[in-house]
Amino acid sequence: MATLTIRGLDPVTHARLRVEAARHGRSMEAEVRAILHDRLSAPGGERGLGSRIRARFEGLGGDLELPDRSGELPRAAEFDP
């Protein structure tokens, strides 16, 4: 089992951690383990950035009509004024 030492924890964070640990009926060390486990346990497949952006704005509606570009070759963007 690995050991982790956290130095320089500010007093406010330390106090909040102590309160949360007491609220959950466990030691501060067990509380930190639970927090890390919850935060780092990936749900059944992380979604990519595009999927997260779409999910965030999906309720706004407004379909975007895209032109048909099936016959065109890709071209570089032009940034000239």
N, C-alpha and C. Protein backbone atom coordinates (compact mmCIF):
# COMPACT_ATOMS: atom_id res chain seq x y z
N MET A 1 0.84 -1.17 0.00
CA MET A 1 0.00 0.00 0.00
C MET A 1 0.89 1.23 0.00
N ALA A 2 0.55 2.21 -0.83
CA ALA A 2 1.35 3.43 -0.95
C ALA A 2 1.00 4.41 0.18
N THR A 3 1.95 5.28 0.47
CA THR A 3 1.75 6.31 1.48
C THR A 3 1.88 7.67 0.81
N LEU A 4 1.02 8.58 1.19
CA LEU A 4 1.02 9.93 0.63
C LEU A 4 1.04 10.93 1.77
N THR A 5 1.97 11.88 1.71
CA THR A 5 2.04 12.95 2.71
C THR A 5 1.66 14.25 2.02
N ILE A 6 0.77 15.00 2.63
CA ILE A 6 0.35 16.28 2.06
C ILE A 6 0.86 17.38 2.98
N ARG A 7 1.76 18.19 2.45
CA ARG A 7 2.32 19.30 3.22
C ARG A 7 1.67 20.60 2.78
N GLY A 8 1.68 21.57 3.65
CA GLY A 8 1.23 22.91 3.30
C GLY A 8 -0.27 23.04 3.11
N LEU A 9 -1.03 22.16 3.72
CA LEU A 9 -2.49 22.25 3.62
C LEU A 9 -2.95 23.43 4.47
N ASP A 10 -3.70 24.33 3.84
CA ASP A 10 -4.10 25.52 4.59
C ASP A 10 -5.09 25.15 5.70
N PRO A 11 -5.14 25.95 6.76
CA PRO A 11 -5.98 25.62 7.93
C PRO A 11 -7.46 25.50 7.60
N VAL A 12 -7.96 26.29 6.66
CA VAL A 12 -9.38 26.23 6.32
C VAL A 12 -9.72 24.89 5.67
N THR A 13 -8.88 24.46 4.73
CA THR A 13 -9.10 23.17 4.08
C THR A 13 -8.98 22.04 5.08
N HIS A 14 -8.00 22.12 5.97
CA HIS A 14 -7.82 21.11 7.00
C HIS A 14 -9.06 21.01 7.88
N ALA A 15 -9.59 22.15 8.28
CA ALA A 15 -10.78 22.16 9.14
C ALA A 15 -12.00 21.59 8.40
N ARG A 16 -12.16 21.96 7.14
CA ARG A 16 -13.30 21.44 6.35
C ARG A 16 -13.18 19.93 6.17
N LEU A 17 -11.96 19.45 5.96
CA LEU A 17 -11.74 18.01 5.82
C LEU A 17 -12.08 17.30 7.13
N ARG A 18 -11.68 17.88 8.24
CA ARG A 18 -11.97 17.29 9.56
C ARG A 18 -13.48 17.21 9.79
N VAL A 19 -14.19 18.28 9.42
CA VAL A 19 -15.65 18.31 9.60
C VAL A 19 -16.33 17.26 8.70
N GLU A 20 -15.90 17.18 7.45
CA GLU A 20 -16.48 16.18 6.53
C GLU A 20 -16.22 14.76 7.01
N ALA A 21 -15.01 14.52 7.51
CA ALA A 21 -14.68 13.20 8.02
C ALA A 21 -15.58 12.85 9.20
N ALA A 22 -15.77 13.78 10.11
CA ALA A 22 -16.63 13.55 11.27
C ALA A 22 -18.08 13.32 10.83
N ARG A 23 -18.51 14.09 9.85
CA ARG A 23 -19.88 13.96 9.35
C ARG A 23 -20.12 12.57 8.75
N HIS A 24 -19.08 12.01 8.12
CA HIS A 24 -19.20 10.68 7.54
C HIS A 24 -18.78 9.57 8.50
N GLY A 25 -18.37 9.94 9.70
CA GLY A 25 -18.01 8.95 10.71
C GLY A 25 -16.73 8.19 10.39
N ARG A 26 -15.75 8.87 9.82
CA ARG A 26 -14.48 8.21 9.51
C ARG A 26 -13.32 9.14 9.82
N SER A 27 -12.14 8.58 9.80
CA SER A 27 -10.94 9.37 10.08
C SER A 27 -10.67 10.31 8.90
N MET A 28 -9.80 11.29 9.14
CA MET A 28 -9.44 12.21 8.06
C MET A 28 -8.74 11.45 6.94
N GLU A 29 -7.92 10.49 7.31
CA GLU A 29 -7.22 9.69 6.30
C GLU A 29 -8.22 8.90 5.45
N ALA A 30 -9.20 8.30 6.08
CA ALA A 30 -10.22 7.55 5.35
C ALA A 30 -11.05 8.49 4.47
N GLU A 31 -11.30 9.70 4.95
CA GLU A 31 -12.05 10.68 4.17
C GLU A 31 -11.28 11.07 2.92
N VAL A 32 -9.99 11.30 3.05
CA VAL A 32 -9.16 11.63 1.89
C VAL A 32 -9.16 10.48 0.89
N ARG A 33 -9.04 9.24 1.39
CA ARG A 33 -9.08 8.08 0.49
C ARG A 33 -10.40 8.03 -0.26
N ALA A 34 -11.50 8.27 0.44
CA ALA A 34 -12.83 8.23 -0.20
C ALA A 34 -12.95 9.34 -1.25
N ILE A 35 -12.47 10.53 -0.93
CA ILE A 35 -12.53 11.65 -1.88
C ILE A 35 -11.72 11.31 -3.13
N LEU A 36 -10.51 10.83 -2.95
CA LEU A 36 -9.67 10.48 -4.09
C LEU A 36 -10.28 9.35 -4.91
N HIS A 37 -10.82 8.36 -4.24
CA HIS A 37 -11.44 7.25 -4.94
C HIS A 37 -12.63 7.72 -5.77
N ASP A 38 -13.50 8.54 -5.16
CA ASP A 38 -14.67 9.05 -5.88
C ASP A 38 -14.27 9.92 -7.06
N ARG A 39 -13.28 10.74 -6.86
CA ARG A 39 -12.86 11.68 -7.91
C ARG A 39 -12.15 10.99 -9.05
N LEU A 40 -11.36 9.97 -8.75
CA LEU A 40 -10.54 9.35 -9.78
C LEU A 40 -11.14 8.10 -10.39
N SER A 41 -12.25 7.62 -9.85
CA SER A 41 -12.91 6.47 -10.43
C SER A 41 -13.70 6.94 -11.65
N ALA A 42 -13.27 6.50 -12.81
CA ALA A 42 -13.94 6.92 -14.04
C ALA A 42 -15.25 6.17 -14.20
N PRO A 43 -16.33 6.90 -14.44
CA PRO A 43 -17.58 6.21 -14.73
C PRO A 43 -17.44 5.41 -16.01
N GLY A 44 -18.37 4.53 -16.29
CA GLY A 44 -18.29 3.63 -17.44
C GLY A 44 -17.91 4.30 -18.74
N GLY A 45 -16.72 4.79 -18.85
CA GLY A 45 -16.23 5.40 -20.07
C GLY A 45 -16.33 6.92 -20.03
N GLU A 46 -15.21 7.56 -19.94
CA GLU A 46 -15.18 9.02 -19.95
C GLU A 46 -15.64 9.52 -21.31
N ARG A 47 -16.43 10.57 -21.29
CA ARG A 47 -16.86 11.17 -22.55
C ARG A 47 -15.84 12.22 -22.96
N GLY A 48 -15.68 12.39 -24.25
CA GLY A 48 -14.74 13.37 -24.78
C GLY A 48 -15.27 14.78 -24.66
N LEU A 49 -14.43 15.74 -24.99
CA LEU A 49 -14.79 17.15 -24.88
C LEU A 49 -15.98 17.49 -25.75
N GLY A 50 -15.99 17.02 -26.98
CA GLY A 50 -17.10 17.31 -27.87
C GLY A 50 -18.42 16.80 -27.33
N SER A 51 -18.42 15.61 -26.76
CA SER A 51 -19.65 15.04 -26.19
C SER A 51 -20.12 15.84 -24.99
N ARG A 52 -19.18 16.30 -24.17
CA ARG A 52 -19.55 17.11 -23.00
C ARG A 52 -20.11 18.46 -23.42
N ILE A 53 -19.51 19.08 -24.46
CA ILE A 53 -20.02 20.37 -24.95
C ILE A 53 -21.42 20.19 -25.51
N ARG A 54 -21.62 19.14 -26.30
CA ARG A 54 -22.94 18.89 -26.88
C ARG A 54 -23.98 18.68 -25.78
N ALA A 55 -23.64 17.89 -24.76
CA ALA A 55 -24.58 17.63 -23.67
C ALA A 55 -24.94 18.92 -22.93
N ARG A 56 -23.98 19.81 -22.78
CA ARG A 56 -24.23 21.06 -22.06
C ARG A 56 -25.21 21.96 -22.81
N PHE A 57 -25.12 22.02 -24.14
CA PHE A 57 -25.94 22.94 -24.92
C PHE A 57 -27.10 22.27 -25.63
N GLU A 58 -27.30 20.98 -25.43
CA GLU A 58 -28.31 20.24 -26.16
C GLU A 58 -29.73 20.73 -25.88
N GLY A 59 -30.02 21.21 -24.70
CA GLY A 59 -31.36 21.66 -24.36
C GLY A 59 -31.73 23.02 -24.96
N LEU A 60 -30.78 23.70 -25.58
CA LEU A 60 -31.05 25.03 -26.11
C LEU A 60 -31.78 24.99 -27.46
N GLY A 61 -31.76 23.85 -28.12
CA GLY A 61 -32.42 23.74 -29.42
C GLY A 61 -31.63 24.47 -30.48
N GLY A 62 -32.32 24.80 -31.58
CA GLY A 62 -31.66 25.54 -32.66
C GLY A 62 -30.75 24.67 -33.49
N ASP A 63 -31.33 23.95 -34.44
CA ASP A 63 -30.51 23.12 -35.32
C ASP A 63 -29.72 24.00 -36.28
N LEU A 64 -28.52 23.62 -36.54
CA LEU A 64 -27.64 24.36 -37.43
C LEU A 64 -27.62 23.66 -38.78
N GLU A 65 -28.01 24.39 -39.82
CA GLU A 65 -27.99 23.83 -41.17
C GLU A 65 -26.58 23.94 -41.72
N LEU A 66 -26.00 22.83 -42.06
CA LEU A 66 -24.65 22.81 -42.63
C LEU A 66 -24.74 22.59 -44.13
N PRO A 67 -23.93 23.33 -44.89
CA PRO A 67 -23.96 23.13 -46.34
C PRO A 67 -23.37 21.78 -46.72
N ASP A 68 -23.85 21.23 -47.83
CA ASP A 68 -23.31 19.96 -48.32
C ASP A 68 -21.93 20.20 -48.91
N ARG A 69 -20.95 19.53 -48.40
CA ARG A 69 -19.58 19.71 -48.87
C ARG A 69 -19.00 18.39 -49.35
N SER A 70 -19.86 17.47 -49.72
CA SER A 70 -19.37 16.15 -50.10
C SER A 70 -18.53 16.19 -51.37
N GLY A 71 -18.75 17.18 -52.25
CA GLY A 71 -18.00 17.25 -53.50
C GLY A 71 -16.76 18.13 -53.42
N GLU A 72 -16.52 18.77 -52.26
CA GLU A 72 -15.39 19.69 -52.13
C GLU A 72 -14.20 19.03 -51.44
N LEU A 73 -13.02 19.47 -51.82
CA LEU A 73 -11.81 19.03 -51.14
C LEU A 73 -11.56 19.94 -49.95
N PRO A 74 -10.95 19.42 -48.89
CA PRO A 74 -10.62 20.27 -47.74
C PRO A 74 -9.66 21.38 -48.17
N ARG A 75 -9.80 22.57 -47.57
CA ARG A 75 -8.91 23.66 -47.88
C ARG A 75 -8.47 24.33 -46.58
N ALA A 76 -7.35 25.00 -46.64
CA ALA A 76 -6.80 25.69 -45.48
C ALA A 76 -7.67 26.91 -45.15
N ALA A 77 -7.70 27.27 -43.90
CA ALA A 77 -8.43 28.46 -43.47
C ALA A 77 -7.70 29.70 -43.95
N GLU A 78 -8.46 30.74 -44.29
CA GLU A 78 -7.86 32.01 -44.72
C GLU A 78 -8.14 33.05 -43.65
N PHE A 79 -7.08 33.70 -43.17
CA PHE A 79 -7.20 34.67 -42.10
C PHE A 79 -6.87 36.09 -42.54
N ASP A 80 -6.75 36.33 -43.86
CA ASP A 80 -6.44 37.68 -44.35
C ASP A 80 -7.62 38.60 -44.13
N PRO A 81 -7.34 39.88 -43.74
CA PRO A 81 -8.44 40.83 -43.51
C PRO A 81 -9.15 41.24 -44.77
